[in-house]
């Protein structure tokens, strides 16, 4: 199994509820709110506030999280480098969706305007 395949498998098995506190911490340390974080996640996934909370409460894996999501049709407009990879070039669909979310949250934490983060 290649290193990339192992990484894709590891991402698929990560539990969203265990990742979520790190996302909150990342944006709050930079002066942003949980509401802003939720707006970004909800834009990408189509989840309502209740559905997002259910994903956390049910301790779904990242694979289940994105299988339950209705990815925003403009998600393909997310480009750039995250974790050393160009998101538009990632071949594994689940890993790409996960990196889309990482990229959006990084942009929020860096102070990019919400209108720019939520590609229209």
N, C-alpha and C. Protein backbone atom coordinates (compact mmCIF):
# COMPACT_ATOMS: atom_id res chain seq x y z
N UNK A 1 0.85 -1.18 0.00
CA UNK A 1 0.00 0.00 0.00
C UNK A 1 0.89 1.24 0.00
N UNK A 2 0.57 2.18 -0.87
CA UNK A 2 1.39 3.40 -0.98
C UNK A 2 1.17 4.31 0.23
N UNK A 3 2.11 5.23 0.41
CA UNK A 3 1.99 6.20 1.49
C UNK A 3 0.72 7.02 1.33
N UNK A 4 0.39 7.41 0.09
CA UNK A 4 -0.82 8.19 -0.15
C UNK A 4 -2.07 7.39 0.20
N UNK A 5 -2.08 6.10 -0.16
CA UNK A 5 -3.23 5.25 0.15
C UNK A 5 -3.42 5.12 1.66
N UNK A 6 -2.31 5.01 2.38
CA UNK A 6 -2.38 4.92 3.84
C UNK A 6 -2.94 6.22 4.43
N UNK A 7 -2.50 7.34 3.87
CA UNK A 7 -2.99 8.63 4.35
C UNK A 7 -4.49 8.77 4.05
N UNK A 8 -4.91 8.36 2.85
CA UNK A 8 -6.33 8.42 2.49
C UNK A 8 -7.16 7.56 3.44
N UNK A 9 -6.66 6.39 3.76
CA UNK A 9 -7.36 5.48 4.67
C UNK A 9 -7.44 6.07 6.08
N UNK A 10 -6.34 6.68 6.52
CA UNK A 10 -6.31 7.30 7.85
C UNK A 10 -7.33 8.43 7.94
N UNK A 11 -7.41 9.25 6.91
CA UNK A 11 -8.37 10.35 6.88
C UNK A 11 -9.79 9.80 6.93
N UNK A 12 -10.07 8.77 6.16
CA UNK A 12 -11.41 8.19 6.10
C UNK A 12 -11.87 7.70 7.47
N UNK A 13 -10.94 7.20 8.27
CA UNK A 13 -11.30 6.61 9.56
C UNK A 13 -11.31 7.61 10.72
N UNK A 14 -10.81 8.83 10.48
CA UNK A 14 -10.81 9.83 11.55
C UNK A 14 -12.25 10.14 11.95
N UNK A 15 -12.47 10.33 13.23
CA UNK A 15 -13.80 10.65 13.74
C UNK A 15 -13.95 12.17 13.76
N UNK A 16 -14.98 12.67 13.08
CA UNK A 16 -15.19 14.12 12.98
C UNK A 16 -15.28 14.76 14.37
N UNK A 17 -15.96 14.11 15.30
CA UNK A 17 -16.13 14.68 16.65
C UNK A 17 -14.78 14.88 17.36
N UNK A 18 -13.78 14.11 17.00
CA UNK A 18 -12.45 14.26 17.60
C UNK A 18 -11.65 15.36 16.91
N UNK A 19 -11.96 15.63 15.65
CA UNK A 19 -11.29 16.69 14.89
C UNK A 19 -11.92 18.05 15.21
N UNK A 20 -13.22 18.05 15.42
CA UNK A 20 -13.99 19.29 15.60
C UNK A 20 -13.41 20.23 16.67
N UNK A 21 -13.04 19.75 17.87
CA UNK A 21 -12.48 20.69 18.87
C UNK A 21 -11.23 21.41 18.38
N UNK A 22 -10.43 20.75 17.57
CA UNK A 22 -9.23 21.39 17.02
C UNK A 22 -9.60 22.50 16.03
N UNK A 23 -10.68 22.27 15.29
CA UNK A 23 -11.15 23.29 14.35
C UNK A 23 -11.64 24.52 15.11
N UNK A 24 -12.41 24.27 16.17
CA UNK A 24 -12.91 25.37 17.01
C UNK A 24 -11.73 26.14 17.60
N UNK A 25 -10.78 25.42 18.16
CA UNK A 25 -9.62 26.04 18.78
C UNK A 25 -8.84 26.89 17.77
N UNK A 26 -8.68 26.35 16.57
CA UNK A 26 -7.92 27.05 15.52
C UNK A 26 -8.54 28.40 15.19
N UNK A 27 -9.87 28.44 15.00
CA UNK A 27 -10.50 29.71 14.63
C UNK A 27 -10.63 30.66 15.82
N UNK A 28 -10.89 30.11 17.01
CA UNK A 28 -11.02 30.99 18.18
C UNK A 28 -9.69 31.64 18.55
N UNK A 29 -8.58 30.92 18.38
CA UNK A 29 -7.25 31.49 18.68
C UNK A 29 -6.96 32.68 17.79
N UNK A 30 -7.58 32.71 16.62
CA UNK A 30 -7.36 33.80 15.67
C UNK A 30 -8.47 34.85 15.74
N UNK A 31 -9.31 34.78 16.79
CA UNK A 31 -10.32 35.80 17.01
C UNK A 31 -11.62 35.60 16.26
N UNK A 32 -11.86 34.39 15.80
CA UNK A 32 -13.11 34.11 15.09
C UNK A 32 -14.03 33.27 15.95
N UNK A 33 -15.28 33.10 15.52
CA UNK A 33 -16.28 32.46 16.35
C UNK A 33 -16.66 31.08 15.83
N UNK A 34 -17.29 30.31 16.72
CA UNK A 34 -17.83 29.00 16.34
C UNK A 34 -18.91 29.19 15.27
N UNK A 35 -19.66 30.28 15.37
CA UNK A 35 -20.70 30.55 14.37
C UNK A 35 -20.09 30.72 12.98
N UNK A 36 -18.96 31.39 12.90
CA UNK A 36 -18.28 31.55 11.62
C UNK A 36 -17.77 30.19 11.12
N UNK A 37 -17.21 29.40 12.02
CA UNK A 37 -16.76 28.06 11.66
C UNK A 37 -17.92 27.24 11.11
N UNK A 38 -19.05 27.28 11.82
CA UNK A 38 -20.23 26.54 11.37
C UNK A 38 -20.72 27.03 10.02
N UNK A 39 -20.67 28.32 9.79
CA UNK A 39 -21.10 28.87 8.50
C UNK A 39 -20.25 28.29 7.36
N UNK A 40 -18.96 28.16 7.59
CA UNK A 40 -18.06 27.61 6.59
C UNK A 40 -18.36 26.13 6.36
N UNK A 41 -18.49 25.37 7.45
CA UNK A 41 -18.77 23.93 7.33
C UNK A 41 -20.13 23.71 6.68
N UNK A 42 -21.11 24.49 7.08
CA UNK A 42 -22.46 24.33 6.52
C UNK A 42 -22.47 24.71 5.04
N UNK A 43 -21.71 25.72 4.64
CA UNK A 43 -21.64 26.09 3.22
C UNK A 43 -21.09 24.91 2.42
N UNK A 44 -20.02 24.30 2.92
CA UNK A 44 -19.37 23.20 2.19
C UNK A 44 -20.25 21.95 2.15
N UNK A 45 -20.89 21.62 3.28
CA UNK A 45 -21.56 20.32 3.42
C UNK A 45 -23.07 20.36 3.19
N UNK A 46 -23.67 21.53 3.32
CA UNK A 46 -25.12 21.62 3.22
C UNK A 46 -25.84 21.24 4.51
N UNK A 47 -25.11 20.94 5.57
CA UNK A 47 -25.74 20.56 6.83
C UNK A 47 -26.43 21.75 7.48
N UNK A 48 -27.56 21.48 8.13
CA UNK A 48 -28.17 22.47 9.01
C UNK A 48 -27.40 22.42 10.33
N UNK A 49 -27.69 23.34 11.21
CA UNK A 49 -27.05 23.34 12.53
C UNK A 49 -27.32 22.01 13.25
N UNK A 50 -28.56 21.56 13.20
CA UNK A 50 -28.95 20.30 13.86
C UNK A 50 -28.23 19.11 13.22
N UNK A 51 -28.17 19.07 11.91
CA UNK A 51 -27.48 17.97 11.23
C UNK A 51 -25.99 17.95 11.56
N UNK A 52 -25.39 19.13 11.63
CA UNK A 52 -23.98 19.22 11.99
C UNK A 52 -23.77 18.68 13.41
N UNK A 53 -24.64 19.08 14.33
CA UNK A 53 -24.53 18.58 15.71
C UNK A 53 -24.73 17.07 15.76
N UNK A 54 -25.63 16.55 14.93
CA UNK A 54 -25.84 15.09 14.89
C UNK A 54 -24.58 14.36 14.43
N UNK A 55 -23.85 14.95 13.47
CA UNK A 55 -22.60 14.34 13.00
C UNK A 55 -21.60 14.24 14.15
N UNK A 56 -21.58 15.27 14.97
CA UNK A 56 -20.68 15.30 16.12
C UNK A 56 -21.14 14.28 17.17
N UNK A 57 -22.44 14.33 17.51
CA UNK A 57 -22.98 13.44 18.54
C UNK A 57 -22.87 11.97 18.15
N UNK A 58 -23.06 11.67 16.88
CA UNK A 58 -23.01 10.28 16.41
C UNK A 58 -21.59 9.78 16.19
N UNK A 59 -20.61 10.66 16.37
CA UNK A 59 -19.19 10.32 16.22
C UNK A 59 -18.92 9.61 14.90
N UNK A 60 -19.40 10.22 13.82
CA UNK A 60 -19.19 9.66 12.49
C UNK A 60 -17.74 9.83 12.05
N UNK A 61 -17.30 8.95 11.18
CA UNK A 61 -15.97 9.08 10.60
C UNK A 61 -16.02 10.18 9.54
N UNK A 62 -14.85 10.60 9.10
CA UNK A 62 -14.82 11.60 8.03
C UNK A 62 -15.48 11.04 6.77
N UNK A 63 -15.31 9.76 6.52
CA UNK A 63 -15.95 9.14 5.37
C UNK A 63 -17.47 9.24 5.49
N UNK A 64 -18.02 8.91 6.65
CA UNK A 64 -19.47 9.01 6.87
C UNK A 64 -19.92 10.48 6.81
N UNK A 65 -19.12 11.35 7.40
CA UNK A 65 -19.44 12.78 7.42
C UNK A 65 -19.67 13.29 6.00
N UNK A 66 -18.73 13.01 5.11
CA UNK A 66 -18.86 13.51 3.75
C UNK A 66 -19.86 12.69 2.92
N UNK A 67 -20.08 11.43 3.28
CA UNK A 67 -21.14 10.67 2.62
C UNK A 67 -22.51 11.23 2.97
N UNK A 68 -22.65 11.75 4.19
CA UNK A 68 -23.91 12.34 4.64
C UNK A 68 -24.11 13.76 4.10
N UNK A 69 -23.06 14.37 3.64
CA UNK A 69 -23.09 15.77 3.18
C UNK A 69 -23.57 15.87 1.74
N UNK A 70 -24.08 17.05 1.43
CA UNK A 70 -24.39 17.40 0.04
C UNK A 70 -23.41 18.52 -0.31
N UNK A 71 -22.29 18.13 -0.92
CA UNK A 71 -21.20 19.08 -1.17
C UNK A 71 -21.68 20.25 -2.02
N UNK A 72 -21.29 21.44 -1.62
CA UNK A 72 -21.66 22.64 -2.35
C UNK A 72 -21.14 22.54 -3.78
N UNK A 73 -21.99 22.87 -4.77
CA UNK A 73 -21.56 22.78 -6.16
C UNK A 73 -20.36 23.68 -6.49
N UNK A 74 -20.13 24.71 -5.69
CA UNK A 74 -18.99 25.60 -5.93
C UNK A 74 -17.72 25.16 -5.21
N UNK A 75 -17.76 23.99 -4.58
CA UNK A 75 -16.58 23.50 -3.86
C UNK A 75 -15.39 23.33 -4.79
N UNK A 76 -15.65 23.02 -6.04
CA UNK A 76 -14.54 22.84 -6.99
C UNK A 76 -13.78 24.15 -7.25
N UNK A 77 -14.34 25.27 -6.82
CA UNK A 77 -13.65 26.56 -6.95
C UNK A 77 -12.60 26.76 -5.87
N UNK A 78 -12.55 25.84 -4.89
CA UNK A 78 -11.55 25.93 -3.83
C UNK A 78 -10.23 25.43 -4.40
N UNK A 79 -9.26 26.31 -4.40
CA UNK A 79 -7.94 25.97 -4.94
C UNK A 79 -6.87 26.44 -3.97
N UNK A 80 -5.67 25.96 -4.21
CA UNK A 80 -4.55 26.39 -3.39
C UNK A 80 -3.91 25.22 -2.68
N UNK A 81 -2.95 25.53 -1.83
CA UNK A 81 -2.16 24.51 -1.15
C UNK A 81 -2.61 24.40 0.30
N UNK A 82 -2.79 23.15 0.73
CA UNK A 82 -3.08 22.87 2.14
C UNK A 82 -2.32 21.60 2.51
N UNK A 83 -1.62 21.64 3.60
CA UNK A 83 -0.83 20.49 4.06
C UNK A 83 0.14 20.01 2.98
N UNK A 84 0.64 20.93 2.19
CA UNK A 84 1.62 20.60 1.17
C UNK A 84 1.05 20.05 -0.13
N UNK A 85 -0.26 20.02 -0.25
CA UNK A 85 -0.90 19.49 -1.46
C UNK A 85 -1.80 20.55 -2.09
N UNK A 86 -1.82 20.60 -3.42
CA UNK A 86 -2.76 21.45 -4.12
C UNK A 86 -4.11 20.75 -4.07
N UNK A 87 -5.11 21.38 -3.47
CA UNK A 87 -6.41 20.71 -3.27
C UNK A 87 -7.05 20.31 -4.59
N UNK A 88 -6.85 21.11 -5.63
CA UNK A 88 -7.48 20.79 -6.92
C UNK A 88 -6.84 19.58 -7.59
N UNK A 89 -5.66 19.16 -7.13
CA UNK A 89 -4.96 18.03 -7.74
C UNK A 89 -5.09 16.73 -6.95
N UNK A 90 -5.77 16.76 -5.81
CA UNK A 90 -5.91 15.55 -4.99
C UNK A 90 -6.86 14.58 -5.69
N UNK A 91 -6.40 13.36 -5.88
CA UNK A 91 -7.16 12.38 -6.66
C UNK A 91 -8.24 11.67 -5.86
N UNK A 92 -7.99 11.37 -4.59
CA UNK A 92 -8.97 10.67 -3.78
C UNK A 92 -10.10 11.64 -3.41
N UNK A 93 -11.35 11.35 -3.80
CA UNK A 93 -12.45 12.29 -3.56
C UNK A 93 -12.67 12.63 -2.09
N UNK A 94 -12.57 11.65 -1.19
CA UNK A 94 -12.77 11.93 0.23
C UNK A 94 -11.66 12.81 0.78
N UNK A 95 -10.43 12.49 0.43
CA UNK A 95 -9.30 13.30 0.89
C UNK A 95 -9.44 14.72 0.34
N UNK A 96 -9.87 14.86 -0.90
CA UNK A 96 -10.05 16.18 -1.48
C UNK A 96 -11.12 16.97 -0.71
N UNK A 97 -12.24 16.35 -0.40
CA UNK A 97 -13.30 17.03 0.36
C UNK A 97 -12.80 17.46 1.73
N UNK A 98 -12.04 16.58 2.36
CA UNK A 98 -11.48 16.90 3.69
C UNK A 98 -10.53 18.09 3.59
N UNK A 99 -9.71 18.09 2.56
CA UNK A 99 -8.77 19.20 2.37
C UNK A 99 -9.49 20.48 1.95
N UNK A 100 -10.62 20.36 1.25
CA UNK A 100 -11.45 21.55 0.98
C UNK A 100 -11.83 22.19 2.31
N UNK A 101 -12.31 21.37 3.24
CA UNK A 101 -12.73 21.91 4.53
C UNK A 101 -11.54 22.52 5.25
N UNK A 102 -10.40 21.84 5.24
CA UNK A 102 -9.18 22.39 5.86
C UNK A 102 -8.83 23.75 5.27
N UNK A 103 -8.89 23.85 3.95
CA UNK A 103 -8.53 25.09 3.26
C UNK A 103 -9.46 26.23 3.66
N UNK A 104 -10.77 25.96 3.69
CA UNK A 104 -11.73 26.99 4.06
C UNK A 104 -11.52 27.46 5.49
N UNK A 105 -11.26 26.52 6.39
CA UNK A 105 -11.06 26.88 7.79
C UNK A 105 -9.75 27.63 7.97
N UNK A 106 -8.72 27.28 7.22
CA UNK A 106 -7.47 28.04 7.24
C UNK A 106 -7.71 29.48 6.78
N UNK A 107 -8.49 29.62 5.73
CA UNK A 107 -8.78 30.97 5.22
C UNK A 107 -9.54 31.78 6.27
N UNK A 108 -10.48 31.16 6.96
CA UNK A 108 -11.22 31.85 8.03
C UNK A 108 -10.24 32.27 9.13
N UNK A 109 -9.41 31.34 9.56
CA UNK A 109 -8.45 31.63 10.64
C UNK A 109 -7.48 32.74 10.25
N UNK A 110 -7.14 32.82 8.97
CA UNK A 110 -6.21 33.87 8.50
C UNK A 110 -6.90 35.22 8.32
N UNK A 111 -8.22 35.26 8.49
CA UNK A 111 -8.92 36.53 8.42
C UNK A 111 -9.46 36.90 7.06
N UNK A 112 -9.49 35.96 6.16
CA UNK A 112 -10.05 36.23 4.84
C UNK A 112 -11.54 36.54 4.99
N UNK A 113 -12.06 37.43 4.16
CA UNK A 113 -13.47 37.82 4.25
C UNK A 113 -14.37 36.65 3.91
N UNK A 114 -15.47 36.55 4.65
CA UNK A 114 -16.40 35.44 4.49
C UNK A 114 -16.93 35.35 3.05
N UNK A 115 -17.16 36.48 2.41
CA UNK A 115 -17.66 36.48 1.03
C UNK A 115 -16.67 35.79 0.09
N UNK A 116 -15.39 35.91 0.40
CA UNK A 116 -14.35 35.31 -0.42
C UNK A 116 -14.20 33.81 -0.09
N UNK A 117 -14.35 33.47 1.18
CA UNK A 117 -14.23 32.07 1.61
C UNK A 117 -15.35 31.25 0.98
N UNK A 118 -16.56 31.77 1.06
CA UNK A 118 -17.74 31.05 0.53
C UNK A 118 -17.87 31.37 -0.94
N UNK A 119 -17.14 30.62 -1.72
CA UNK A 119 -17.09 30.88 -3.17
C UNK A 119 -18.50 30.88 -3.75
N UNK A 120 -18.76 31.90 -4.55
CA UNK A 120 -20.10 32.02 -5.16
C UNK A 120 -20.02 31.77 -6.63
